[in-house]
Amino acid sequence: MMPDLGKYAVDVLIAYAFGGALLAGIVAISLWQARRARQTLEEAEKE
């Protein structure tokens, strides 16, 4: 259920979408870096 935002509805929804996209990007980058670090450590342990 969405509250009535009046004339600011578009601005608020754009802000929510932008914030969600930023959050998703940060999570994706963190997961990518963790995977890369894990691979580097596994390669170092093999030596």
N, C-alpha and C. Protein backbone atom coordinates (compact mmCIF):
# COMPACT_ATOMS: atom_id res chain seq x y z
N MET A 1 0.84 -1.18 0.00
CA MET A 1 0.00 0.00 0.00
C MET A 1 0.89 1.24 0.00
N MET A 2 0.73 2.07 -1.00
CA MET A 2 1.57 3.25 -1.14
C MET A 2 0.83 4.50 -0.64
N PRO A 3 1.51 5.30 0.16
CA PRO A 3 0.86 6.53 0.63
C PRO A 3 0.71 7.53 -0.51
N ASP A 4 -0.21 8.45 -0.35
CA ASP A 4 -0.43 9.50 -1.34
C ASP A 4 0.71 10.51 -1.24
N LEU A 5 1.52 10.60 -2.27
CA LEU A 5 2.67 11.49 -2.26
C LEU A 5 2.39 12.81 -2.99
N GLY A 6 1.25 12.90 -3.58
CA GLY A 6 0.87 14.13 -4.25
C GLY A 6 1.77 14.44 -5.43
N LYS A 7 2.15 15.70 -5.54
CA LYS A 7 2.95 16.12 -6.69
C LYS A 7 4.40 15.66 -6.61
N TYR A 8 4.81 15.09 -5.47
CA TYR A 8 6.19 14.62 -5.31
C TYR A 8 6.35 13.13 -5.57
N ALA A 9 5.31 12.47 -6.02
CA ALA A 9 5.34 11.02 -6.21
C ALA A 9 6.46 10.59 -7.15
N VAL A 10 6.60 11.25 -8.28
CA VAL A 10 7.62 10.86 -9.26
C VAL A 10 9.01 11.05 -8.66
N ASP A 11 9.23 12.18 -8.00
CA ASP A 11 10.55 12.45 -7.41
C ASP A 11 10.90 11.42 -6.34
N VAL A 12 9.95 11.09 -5.50
CA VAL A 12 10.20 10.12 -4.43
C VAL A 12 10.47 8.74 -5.01
N LEU A 13 9.70 8.33 -6.00
CA LEU A 13 9.90 7.01 -6.60
C LEU A 13 11.24 6.93 -7.33
N ILE A 14 11.65 8.01 -7.98
CA ILE A 14 12.96 8.03 -8.63
C ILE A 14 14.06 7.92 -7.58
N ALA A 15 13.92 8.61 -6.47
CA ALA A 15 14.91 8.53 -5.40
C ALA A 15 14.99 7.12 -4.83
N TYR A 16 13.85 6.47 -4.63
CA TYR A 16 13.85 5.09 -4.15
C TYR A 16 14.53 4.16 -5.16
N ALA A 17 14.24 4.34 -6.43
CA ALA A 17 14.85 3.50 -7.47
C ALA A 17 16.36 3.72 -7.51
N PHE A 18 16.79 4.96 -7.43
CA PHE A 18 18.22 5.27 -7.45
C PHE A 18 18.91 4.67 -6.23
N GLY A 19 18.31 4.81 -5.07
CA GLY A 19 18.88 4.23 -3.85
C GLY A 19 18.95 2.72 -3.92
N GLY A 20 17.92 2.11 -4.44
CA GLY A 20 17.92 0.65 -4.58
C GLY A 20 18.98 0.18 -5.56
N ALA A 21 19.15 0.91 -6.65
CA ALA A 21 20.18 0.55 -7.63
C ALA A 21 21.58 0.69 -7.03
N LEU A 22 21.79 1.76 -6.26
CA LEU A 22 23.09 1.93 -5.61
C LEU A 22 23.36 0.80 -4.61
N LEU A 23 22.36 0.45 -3.84
CA LEU A 23 22.52 -0.62 -2.87
C LEU A 23 22.81 -1.94 -3.56
N ALA A 24 22.10 -2.24 -4.63
CA ALA A 24 22.33 -3.47 -5.37
C ALA A 24 23.73 -3.49 -5.97
N GLY A 25 24.19 -2.34 -6.46
CA GLY A 25 25.54 -2.26 -7.00
C GLY A 25 26.60 -2.49 -5.95
N ILE A 26 26.41 -1.93 -4.77
CA ILE A 26 27.38 -2.11 -3.69
C ILE A 26 27.43 -3.59 -3.28
N VAL A 27 26.29 -4.23 -3.19
CA VAL A 27 26.26 -5.65 -2.84
C VAL A 27 26.96 -6.48 -3.91
N ALA A 28 26.69 -6.19 -5.18
CA ALA A 28 27.30 -6.94 -6.27
C ALA A 28 28.82 -6.76 -6.27
N ILE A 29 29.29 -5.55 -6.08
CA ILE A 29 30.74 -5.30 -6.05
C ILE A 29 31.37 -6.01 -4.86
N SER A 30 30.71 -6.00 -3.72
CA SER A 30 31.24 -6.68 -2.54
C SER A 30 31.35 -8.18 -2.77
N LEU A 31 30.33 -8.77 -3.37
CA LEU A 31 30.38 -10.20 -3.64
C LEU A 31 31.47 -10.54 -4.64
N TRP A 32 31.64 -9.71 -5.66
CA TRP A 32 32.68 -9.92 -6.67
C TRP A 32 34.06 -9.83 -6.04
N GLN A 33 34.29 -8.84 -5.18
CA GLN A 33 35.59 -8.70 -4.53
C GLN A 33 35.85 -9.84 -3.56
N ALA A 34 34.84 -10.31 -2.85
CA ALA A 34 35.01 -11.43 -1.93
C ALA A 34 35.38 -12.70 -2.69
N ARG A 35 34.73 -12.93 -3.82
CA ARG A 35 35.04 -14.11 -4.64
C ARG A 35 36.47 -14.03 -5.15
N ARG A 36 36.88 -12.84 -5.60
CA ARG A 36 38.23 -12.65 -6.12
C ARG A 36 39.27 -12.84 -5.01
N ALA A 37 39.00 -12.33 -3.83
CA ALA A 37 39.92 -12.49 -2.70
C ALA A 37 40.04 -13.96 -2.30
N ARG A 38 38.91 -14.67 -2.31
CA ARG A 38 38.93 -16.10 -1.96
C ARG A 38 39.79 -16.87 -2.95
N GLN A 39 39.66 -16.57 -4.25
CA GLN A 39 40.46 -17.25 -5.25
C GLN A 39 41.94 -16.94 -5.08
N THR A 40 42.27 -15.71 -4.76
CA THR A 40 43.66 -15.32 -4.56
C THR A 40 44.25 -16.07 -3.36
N LEU A 41 43.48 -16.15 -2.28
CA LEU A 41 43.97 -16.88 -1.10
C LEU A 41 44.14 -18.36 -1.37
N GLU A 42 43.21 -18.94 -2.11
CA GLU A 42 43.34 -20.37 -2.43
C GLU A 42 44.56 -20.62 -3.29
N GLU A 43 44.86 -19.73 -4.23
CA GLU A 43 46.06 -19.88 -5.06
C GLU A 43 47.32 -19.72 -4.23
N ALA A 44 47.32 -18.81 -3.27
CA ALA A 44 48.48 -18.60 -2.41
C ALA A 44 48.71 -19.80 -1.49
N GLU A 45 47.65 -20.45 -1.05
CA GLU A 45 47.79 -21.61 -0.18
C GLU A 45 48.32 -22.82 -0.92
N LYS A 46 48.10 -22.90 -2.23
CA LYS A 46 48.58 -24.02 -3.02
C LYS A 46 50.09 -23.97 -3.19
N GLU A 47 50.65 -22.78 -3.13
CA GLU A 47 52.10 -22.63 -3.36
C GLU A 47 52.92 -23.04 -2.18
